[in-house]
Amino acid sequence: MPDKKSQNIYKFDFQNNSLQLVNKLKYGRSSHSICFNNRYIYVLGGYLNNQNLTNRCERYDIVNNRVEELRPMHHQSCSFACCSFAGRYIYKFGGVGENIHNIVQSI
């Protein structure tokens, strides 16, 4: 379980070859998964600052620079893969958590 948790959201400036802090998530986390869908970057699961596994989800709106908390996933998990499909769905694959028998979950 990683000790460092981050709330920071950065964007990369290609002209200056540097990262720029643009916003912060509500919860610092590690071992989470991220996925881009439409104009949002989704941040799913992981470990929170208090070292607890979480099912919390947030999304970052890259157009309006806003963070929004979403409904939680059905199960707490970390270290999983996810992908978007058809601009409408995010699927979660595998990971470590409270329900290891559920290999694929639609979020």
N, C-alpha and C. Protein backbone atom coordinates (compact mmCIF):
# COMPACT_ATOMS: atom_id res chain seq x y z
N MET A 1 0.84 -1.16 0.00
CA MET A 1 0.00 0.00 0.00
C MET A 1 0.90 1.24 0.00
N PRO A 2 0.88 2.04 -1.04
CA PRO A 2 1.74 3.22 -1.12
C PRO A 2 1.46 4.23 -0.01
N ASP A 3 2.52 4.90 0.46
CA ASP A 3 2.38 5.88 1.53
C ASP A 3 1.96 7.25 1.01
N LYS A 4 2.30 7.58 -0.22
CA LYS A 4 2.03 8.91 -0.77
C LYS A 4 0.69 8.93 -1.49
N LYS A 5 -0.17 9.87 -1.08
CA LYS A 5 -1.46 10.06 -1.72
C LYS A 5 -1.47 11.47 -2.30
N SER A 6 -2.13 11.63 -3.43
CA SER A 6 -2.17 12.96 -4.03
C SER A 6 -3.58 13.34 -4.43
N GLN A 7 -3.90 14.61 -4.23
CA GLN A 7 -5.14 15.20 -4.70
C GLN A 7 -4.91 16.04 -5.95
N ASN A 8 -3.67 16.28 -6.28
CA ASN A 8 -3.33 17.24 -7.33
C ASN A 8 -3.67 16.74 -8.72
N ILE A 9 -4.15 17.68 -9.54
CA ILE A 9 -4.40 17.43 -10.97
C ILE A 9 -3.49 18.37 -11.74
N TYR A 10 -2.67 17.80 -12.59
CA TYR A 10 -1.71 18.58 -13.38
C TYR A 10 -2.02 18.44 -14.86
N LYS A 11 -1.61 19.44 -15.62
CA LYS A 11 -1.58 19.29 -17.07
C LYS A 11 -0.15 19.56 -17.52
N PHE A 12 0.22 18.91 -18.61
CA PHE A 12 1.58 19.04 -19.11
C PHE A 12 1.65 20.16 -20.14
N ASP A 13 2.57 21.08 -19.94
CA ASP A 13 2.82 22.18 -20.87
C ASP A 13 3.96 21.75 -21.80
N PHE A 14 3.62 21.43 -23.04
CA PHE A 14 4.63 20.94 -23.99
C PHE A 14 5.64 22.01 -24.39
N GLN A 15 5.22 23.27 -24.41
CA GLN A 15 6.15 24.35 -24.78
C GLN A 15 7.24 24.53 -23.75
N ASN A 16 6.88 24.45 -22.47
CA ASN A 16 7.85 24.66 -21.39
C ASN A 16 8.36 23.36 -20.79
N ASN A 17 7.86 22.24 -21.29
CA ASN A 17 8.25 20.93 -20.79
C ASN A 17 8.10 20.85 -19.26
N SER A 18 6.89 21.23 -18.79
CA SER A 18 6.66 21.27 -17.35
C SER A 18 5.21 20.92 -17.02
N LEU A 19 5.00 20.55 -15.75
CA LEU A 19 3.66 20.29 -15.25
C LEU A 19 3.10 21.54 -14.60
N GLN A 20 1.80 21.78 -14.81
CA GLN A 20 1.12 22.92 -14.19
C GLN A 20 -0.04 22.39 -13.36
N LEU A 21 -0.08 22.75 -12.09
CA LEU A 21 -1.19 22.38 -11.21
C LEU A 21 -2.44 23.12 -11.67
N VAL A 22 -3.54 22.39 -11.94
CA VAL A 22 -4.76 23.03 -12.42
C VAL A 22 -5.93 22.92 -11.46
N ASN A 23 -5.92 21.88 -10.59
CA ASN A 23 -7.02 21.70 -9.66
C ASN A 23 -6.63 20.60 -8.67
N LYS A 24 -7.54 20.30 -7.75
CA LYS A 24 -7.32 19.23 -6.77
C LYS A 24 -8.58 18.37 -6.68
N LEU A 25 -8.36 17.07 -6.49
CA LEU A 25 -9.47 16.17 -6.21
C LEU A 25 -9.94 16.39 -4.78
N LYS A 26 -11.13 15.93 -4.47
CA LYS A 26 -11.65 16.04 -3.10
C LYS A 26 -10.87 15.12 -2.16
N TYR A 27 -10.44 13.94 -2.69
CA TYR A 27 -9.76 12.94 -1.87
C TYR A 27 -8.39 12.63 -2.44
N GLY A 28 -7.36 12.68 -1.59
CA GLY A 28 -6.05 12.20 -1.99
C GLY A 28 -6.10 10.69 -2.07
N ARG A 29 -5.45 10.12 -3.07
CA ARG A 29 -5.52 8.67 -3.25
C ARG A 29 -4.31 8.14 -3.98
N SER A 30 -4.14 6.82 -3.90
CA SER A 30 -3.09 6.11 -4.63
C SER A 30 -3.66 4.78 -5.10
N SER A 31 -2.95 4.11 -5.99
CA SER A 31 -3.35 2.82 -6.55
C SER A 31 -4.75 2.86 -7.15
N HIS A 32 -5.16 4.01 -7.62
CA HIS A 32 -6.45 4.21 -8.26
C HIS A 32 -6.33 3.95 -9.76
N SER A 33 -7.44 4.07 -10.43
CA SER A 33 -7.45 3.93 -11.88
C SER A 33 -8.04 5.21 -12.47
N ILE A 34 -7.61 5.56 -13.68
CA ILE A 34 -8.17 6.72 -14.35
C ILE A 34 -8.58 6.34 -15.76
N CYS A 35 -9.54 7.08 -16.28
CA CYS A 35 -10.04 6.80 -17.62
C CYS A 35 -10.60 8.09 -18.20
N PHE A 36 -10.36 8.33 -19.47
CA PHE A 36 -10.91 9.50 -20.15
C PHE A 36 -12.16 9.09 -20.91
N ASN A 37 -13.23 9.89 -20.76
CA ASN A 37 -14.47 9.65 -21.48
C ASN A 37 -15.11 10.99 -21.77
N ASN A 38 -15.28 11.30 -23.05
CA ASN A 38 -15.77 12.59 -23.51
C ASN A 38 -14.83 13.68 -22.99
N ARG A 39 -15.33 14.64 -22.25
CA ARG A 39 -14.43 15.71 -21.77
C ARG A 39 -14.03 15.53 -20.31
N TYR A 40 -14.24 14.34 -19.78
CA TYR A 40 -13.97 14.08 -18.37
C TYR A 40 -12.85 13.07 -18.18
N ILE A 41 -12.07 13.28 -17.12
CA ILE A 41 -11.12 12.29 -16.65
C ILE A 41 -11.70 11.72 -15.36
N TYR A 42 -11.98 10.43 -15.38
CA TYR A 42 -12.56 9.75 -14.23
C TYR A 42 -11.46 9.17 -13.36
N VAL A 43 -11.60 9.35 -12.05
CA VAL A 43 -10.65 8.83 -11.06
C VAL A 43 -11.44 7.88 -10.18
N LEU A 44 -11.04 6.61 -10.18
CA LEU A 44 -11.86 5.56 -9.58
C LEU A 44 -11.09 4.76 -8.54
N GLY A 45 -11.72 4.54 -7.38
CA GLY A 45 -11.19 3.64 -6.36
C GLY A 45 -9.84 4.03 -5.81
N GLY A 46 -9.08 3.02 -5.35
CA GLY A 46 -7.74 3.23 -4.80
C GLY A 46 -7.75 3.25 -3.28
N TYR A 47 -6.63 3.74 -2.73
CA TYR A 47 -6.49 3.93 -1.29
C TYR A 47 -6.60 5.41 -0.99
N LEU A 48 -7.34 5.76 0.06
CA LEU A 48 -7.45 7.16 0.49
C LEU A 48 -6.34 7.49 1.47
N ASN A 49 -6.27 8.75 1.89
CA ASN A 49 -5.23 9.22 2.80
C ASN A 49 -5.17 8.42 4.10
N ASN A 50 -6.30 7.92 4.55
CA ASN A 50 -6.33 7.17 5.80
C ASN A 50 -5.98 5.69 5.61
N GLN A 51 -5.41 5.33 4.46
CA GLN A 51 -4.96 3.98 4.12
C GLN A 51 -6.12 3.00 3.92
N ASN A 52 -7.36 3.50 3.79
CA ASN A 52 -8.50 2.63 3.56
C ASN A 52 -8.78 2.48 2.07
N LEU A 53 -9.11 1.27 1.68
CA LEU A 53 -9.56 1.00 0.32
C LEU A 53 -10.88 1.73 0.10
N THR A 54 -11.11 2.24 -1.10
CA THR A 54 -12.33 3.01 -1.33
C THR A 54 -13.05 2.59 -2.59
N ASN A 55 -14.32 2.93 -2.64
CA ASN A 55 -15.13 2.78 -3.84
C ASN A 55 -15.53 4.15 -4.40
N ARG A 56 -14.95 5.21 -3.85
CA ARG A 56 -15.28 6.58 -4.26
C ARG A 56 -14.82 6.86 -5.69
N CYS A 57 -15.62 7.67 -6.39
CA CYS A 57 -15.30 8.07 -7.76
C CYS A 57 -15.45 9.58 -7.89
N GLU A 58 -14.55 10.16 -8.66
CA GLU A 58 -14.62 11.58 -8.97
C GLU A 58 -14.35 11.74 -10.46
N ARG A 59 -14.72 12.89 -10.99
CA ARG A 59 -14.36 13.18 -12.37
C ARG A 59 -13.93 14.64 -12.49
N TYR A 60 -13.00 14.85 -13.40
CA TYR A 60 -12.47 16.18 -13.66
C TYR A 60 -12.91 16.61 -15.05
N ASP A 61 -13.56 17.75 -15.13
CA ASP A 61 -14.01 18.34 -16.39
C ASP A 61 -12.87 19.17 -16.97
N ILE A 62 -12.26 18.71 -18.07
CA ILE A 62 -11.10 19.40 -18.62
C ILE A 62 -11.47 20.71 -19.30
N VAL A 63 -12.73 20.90 -19.67
CA VAL A 63 -13.16 22.13 -20.32
C VAL A 63 -13.41 23.23 -19.29
N ASN A 64 -14.13 22.90 -18.22
CA ASN A 64 -14.51 23.90 -17.21
C ASN A 64 -13.65 23.87 -15.96
N ASN A 65 -12.62 23.00 -15.91
CA ASN A 65 -11.71 22.90 -14.78
C ASN A 65 -12.45 22.71 -13.45
N ARG A 66 -13.37 21.73 -13.44
CA ARG A 66 -14.15 21.44 -12.23
C ARG A 66 -14.03 19.97 -11.85
N VAL A 67 -14.07 19.71 -10.55
CA VAL A 67 -14.05 18.35 -10.01
C VAL A 67 -15.42 18.08 -9.41
N GLU A 68 -15.92 16.87 -9.66
CA GLU A 68 -17.24 16.49 -9.18
C GLU A 68 -17.17 15.08 -8.60
N GLU A 69 -17.76 14.89 -7.42
CA GLU A 69 -17.83 13.55 -6.84
C GLU A 69 -19.03 12.83 -7.46
N LEU A 70 -18.84 11.54 -7.76
CA LEU A 70 -19.87 10.72 -8.39
C LEU A 70 -20.36 9.65 -7.44
N ARG A 71 -21.39 8.91 -7.87
CA ARG A 71 -21.83 7.75 -7.09
C ARG A 71 -20.67 6.79 -6.93
N PRO A 72 -20.57 6.12 -5.79
CA PRO A 72 -19.47 5.16 -5.59
C PRO A 72 -19.67 3.90 -6.44
N MET A 73 -18.56 3.19 -6.67
CA MET A 73 -18.64 1.89 -7.31
C MET A 73 -19.32 0.92 -6.35
N HIS A 74 -19.75 -0.22 -6.83
CA HIS A 74 -20.42 -1.22 -5.99
C HIS A 74 -19.48 -1.81 -4.94
N HIS A 75 -18.18 -1.91 -5.28
CA HIS A 75 -17.22 -2.54 -4.37
C HIS A 75 -15.95 -1.70 -4.27
N GLN A 76 -15.35 -1.71 -3.09
CA GLN A 76 -14.06 -1.04 -2.91
C GLN A 76 -12.99 -1.83 -3.64
N SER A 77 -12.10 -1.14 -4.34
CA SER A 77 -11.01 -1.85 -5.02
C SER A 77 -9.90 -0.89 -5.42
N CYS A 78 -8.76 -1.48 -5.75
CA CYS A 78 -7.61 -0.72 -6.22
C CYS A 78 -6.85 -1.54 -7.26
N SER A 79 -5.92 -0.92 -7.92
CA SER A 79 -5.02 -1.59 -8.86
C SER A 79 -5.77 -2.33 -9.96
N PHE A 80 -6.83 -1.74 -10.47
CA PHE A 80 -7.59 -2.36 -11.54
C PHE A 80 -7.42 -1.56 -12.83
N ALA A 81 -7.79 -2.17 -13.92
CA ALA A 81 -7.78 -1.49 -15.22
C ALA A 81 -9.20 -1.03 -15.54
N CYS A 82 -9.31 0.02 -16.33
CA CYS A 82 -10.63 0.44 -16.79
C CYS A 82 -10.50 1.03 -18.19
N CYS A 83 -11.62 1.04 -18.89
CA CYS A 83 -11.64 1.64 -20.23
C CYS A 83 -13.03 2.18 -20.49
N SER A 84 -13.10 3.16 -21.38
CA SER A 84 -14.40 3.70 -21.77
C SER A 84 -14.84 3.01 -23.06
N PHE A 85 -16.15 2.97 -23.26
CA PHE A 85 -16.71 2.33 -24.44
C PHE A 85 -17.90 3.14 -24.94
N ALA A 86 -17.89 3.44 -26.21
CA ALA A 86 -19.01 4.09 -26.90
C ALA A 86 -19.37 5.45 -26.29
N GLY A 87 -18.46 6.07 -25.58
CA GLY A 87 -18.73 7.39 -25.00
C GLY A 87 -19.77 7.39 -23.90
N ARG A 88 -20.22 6.20 -23.48
CA ARG A 88 -21.29 6.11 -22.48
C ARG A 88 -20.95 5.26 -21.27
N TYR A 89 -19.97 4.38 -21.41
CA TYR A 89 -19.71 3.41 -20.35
C TYR A 89 -18.23 3.42 -19.97
N ILE A 90 -18.00 3.08 -18.71
CA ILE A 90 -16.65 2.80 -18.23
C ILE A 90 -16.71 1.40 -17.63
N TYR A 91 -15.81 0.53 -18.09
CA TYR A 91 -15.74 -0.83 -17.57
C TYR A 91 -14.50 -1.00 -16.72
N LYS A 92 -14.66 -1.69 -15.60
CA LYS A 92 -13.59 -1.96 -14.64
C LYS A 92 -13.23 -3.43 -14.74
N PHE A 93 -11.92 -3.72 -14.80
CA PHE A 93 -11.44 -5.08 -14.95
C PHE A 93 -10.49 -5.44 -13.80
N GLY A 94 -10.80 -6.54 -13.11
CA GLY A 94 -9.88 -7.09 -12.12
C GLY A 94 -9.64 -6.16 -10.94
N GLY A 95 -8.40 -6.21 -10.44
CA GLY A 95 -8.01 -5.40 -9.31
C GLY A 95 -8.01 -6.18 -8.00
N VAL A 96 -7.73 -5.47 -6.94
CA VAL A 96 -7.68 -6.02 -5.59
C VAL A 96 -8.78 -5.35 -4.80
N GLY A 97 -9.56 -6.14 -4.06
CA GLY A 97 -10.61 -5.52 -3.27
C GLY A 97 -11.51 -6.51 -2.60
N GLU A 98 -12.69 -6.03 -2.21
CA GLU A 98 -13.59 -6.83 -1.40
C GLU A 98 -14.38 -7.86 -2.21
N ASN A 99 -14.40 -7.76 -3.53
CA ASN A 99 -15.16 -8.71 -4.34
C ASN A 99 -14.29 -9.19 -5.50
N ILE A 100 -13.41 -10.12 -5.25
CA ILE A 100 -12.47 -10.56 -6.28
C ILE A 100 -13.11 -11.45 -7.33
N HIS A 101 -14.34 -11.90 -7.12
CA HIS A 101 -15.00 -12.76 -8.09
C HIS A 101 -15.65 -11.97 -9.22
N ASN A 102 -15.87 -10.68 -9.03
CA ASN A 102 -16.48 -9.83 -10.05
C ASN A 102 -15.38 -9.27 -10.94
N ILE A 103 -15.10 -9.91 -12.05
CA ILE A 103 -13.97 -9.53 -12.89
C ILE A 103 -14.27 -8.25 -13.69
N VAL A 104 -15.47 -8.12 -14.22
CA VAL A 104 -15.81 -6.96 -15.02
C VAL A 104 -17.00 -6.27 -14.38
N GLN A 105 -16.91 -4.96 -14.23
CA GLN A 105 -17.99 -4.18 -13.65
C GLN A 105 -18.21 -2.95 -14.50
N SER A 106 -19.45 -2.65 -14.82
CA SER A 106 -19.79 -1.42 -15.53
C SER A 106 -20.02 -0.34 -14.50
N ILE A 107 -19.40 0.82 -14.69
CA ILE A 107 -19.50 1.91 -13.71
C ILE A 107 -20.45 2.96 -14.22
